[in-house]
Amino acid sequence: MSKYLVTGIKMSKGEFEGKAYDSTTLFVDLRLDESKGTQVGRSTAEFKWPNSEMFHTLKPLFEAARKANKPFYCEIEREEVSIGKGQTRMEISSIQPLPLQG
């Protein structure tokens, strides 16, 4: 598991063209690869959780951190999975919110 600063959370649930969808997206702060000298600083990446229940779990914790003017960190475990035809993607397998710091 790795510690990530979560900068936002979004749920998506509904139906599109007869197909149901349900997920939570975590927006996390990541360091840019500065090894080639072509980029510096930080970026935001989207990590997906397979259902919107996680949004309802994390939202009050995120809002409490924001109200206290504190960063919101989670321990997140990710794993690479095959999606066929030699392609892979990263999926979140575990999320553990951390206590507010400072």
Protein backbone atom coordinates (compact mmCIF):
# COMPACT_ATOMS: atom_id res chain seq x y z
CA MET A 1 0.00 0.00 0.00
CA SER A 2 1.13 3.53 -0.74
CA LYS A 3 0.11 6.82 0.83
CA TYR A 4 -1.63 9.29 -1.51
CA LEU A 5 -2.97 12.81 -1.07
CA VAL A 6 -6.61 12.70 -2.24
CA THR A 7 -7.62 16.05 -3.74
CA GLY A 8 -11.16 15.12 -4.79
CA ILE A 9 -13.74 12.33 -4.98
CA LYS A 10 -16.51 11.78 -7.54
CA MET A 11 -19.23 9.15 -7.80
CA SER A 12 -20.83 7.97 -11.02
CA LYS A 13 -23.93 5.82 -11.00
CA GLY A 14 -26.65 5.38 -13.54
CA GLU A 15 -27.46 3.82 -16.87
CA PHE A 16 -26.32 4.69 -20.38
CA GLU A 17 -27.73 3.03 -23.49
CA GLY A 18 -29.16 0.23 -21.34
CA LYS A 19 -25.88 -0.48 -19.54
CA ALA A 20 -25.53 0.23 -15.81
CA TYR A 21 -22.41 1.93 -14.45
CA ASP A 22 -21.35 2.46 -10.85
CA SER A 23 -17.95 3.73 -9.65
CA THR A 24 -16.02 6.14 -7.47
CA THR A 25 -13.14 8.18 -8.86
CA LEU A 26 -10.41 9.39 -6.52
CA PHE A 27 -8.31 12.32 -7.71
CA VAL A 28 -4.83 11.90 -6.27
CA ASP A 29 -1.70 14.02 -6.28
CA LEU A 30 1.28 12.43 -8.06
CA ARG A 31 4.86 13.53 -8.65
CA LEU A 32 5.79 14.00 -12.31
CA ASP A 33 8.74 12.02 -13.67
CA GLU A 34 11.49 14.65 -13.85
CA SER A 35 14.21 12.26 -15.03
CA LYS A 36 14.22 13.48 -18.67
CA GLY A 37 14.12 17.16 -17.76
CA THR A 38 10.94 17.75 -19.79
CA GLN A 39 8.51 18.16 -16.89
CA VAL A 40 8.63 19.26 -13.28
CA GLY A 41 6.20 19.39 -10.40
CA ARG A 42 3.03 17.50 -9.65
CA SER A 43 -0.08 16.25 -11.45
CA THR A 44 -3.47 14.78 -10.60
CA ALA A 45 -4.35 11.22 -11.57
CA GLU A 46 -7.70 9.44 -11.48
CA PHE A 47 -7.94 6.15 -9.58
CA LYS A 48 -11.19 4.20 -10.02
CA TRP A 49 -13.00 2.11 -7.41
CA PRO A 50 -15.64 -0.27 -8.83
CA ASN A 51 -18.69 1.06 -6.97
CA SER A 52 -20.14 4.32 -5.63
CA GLU A 53 -20.45 3.02 -2.06
CA MET A 54 -16.83 4.10 -1.49
CA PHE A 55 -17.82 7.70 -2.29
CA HIS A 56 -20.34 7.65 0.55
CA THR A 57 -17.68 6.22 2.89
CA LEU A 58 -15.00 8.76 1.98
CA LYS A 59 -17.11 11.91 1.49
CA PRO A 60 -17.67 12.75 5.20
CA LEU A 61 -13.97 12.14 5.94
CA PHE A 62 -12.90 14.31 3.01
CA GLU A 63 -15.30 17.08 4.06
CA ALA A 64 -14.03 16.92 7.67
CA ALA A 65 -10.46 17.32 6.42
CA ARG A 66 -11.47 20.25 4.22
CA LYS A 67 -13.36 21.91 7.09
CA ALA A 68 -10.31 21.50 9.34
CA ASN A 69 -8.11 22.86 6.52
CA LYS A 70 -6.09 19.61 6.56
CA PRO A 71 -4.96 17.36 3.72
CA PHE A 72 -6.85 14.10 3.19
CA TYR A 73 -4.61 11.06 2.80
CA CYS A 74 -5.45 7.43 2.05
CA GLU A 75 -3.38 4.29 1.88
CA ILE A 76 -4.22 2.82 -1.52
CA GLU A 77 -3.21 -0.55 -2.90
CA ARG A 78 -3.27 -0.94 -6.65
CA GLU A 79 -2.67 -3.92 -8.88
CA GLU A 80 -2.18 -4.37 -12.58
CA VAL A 81 -4.78 -6.58 -14.28
CA SER A 82 -5.06 -7.89 -17.81
CA ILE A 83 -7.94 -6.61 -19.91
CA GLY A 84 -7.12 -8.80 -22.91
CA LYS A 85 -5.15 -8.52 -26.15
CA GLY A 86 -1.93 -7.77 -24.26
CA GLN A 87 -3.37 -4.69 -22.55
CA THR A 88 -3.40 -4.01 -18.83
CA ARG A 89 -4.82 -1.42 -16.45
CA MET A 90 -4.30 -0.50 -12.82
CA GLU A 91 -7.16 -1.22 -10.41
CA ILE A 92 -7.53 -0.24 -6.78
CA SER A 93 -7.74 -3.31 -4.57
CA SER A 94 -7.79 -1.55 -1.18
CA ILE A 95 -8.41 1.94 0.27
CA GLN A 96 -7.72 2.90 3.88
CA PRO A 97 -8.40 6.51 4.92
CA LEU A 98 -5.71 7.87 7.26
CA PRO A 99 -6.31 10.06 10.34
CA LEU A 100 -6.07 13.81 9.82
CA GLN A 101 -2.54 15.13 10.24
CA GLY A 102 -1.29 18.17 12.06
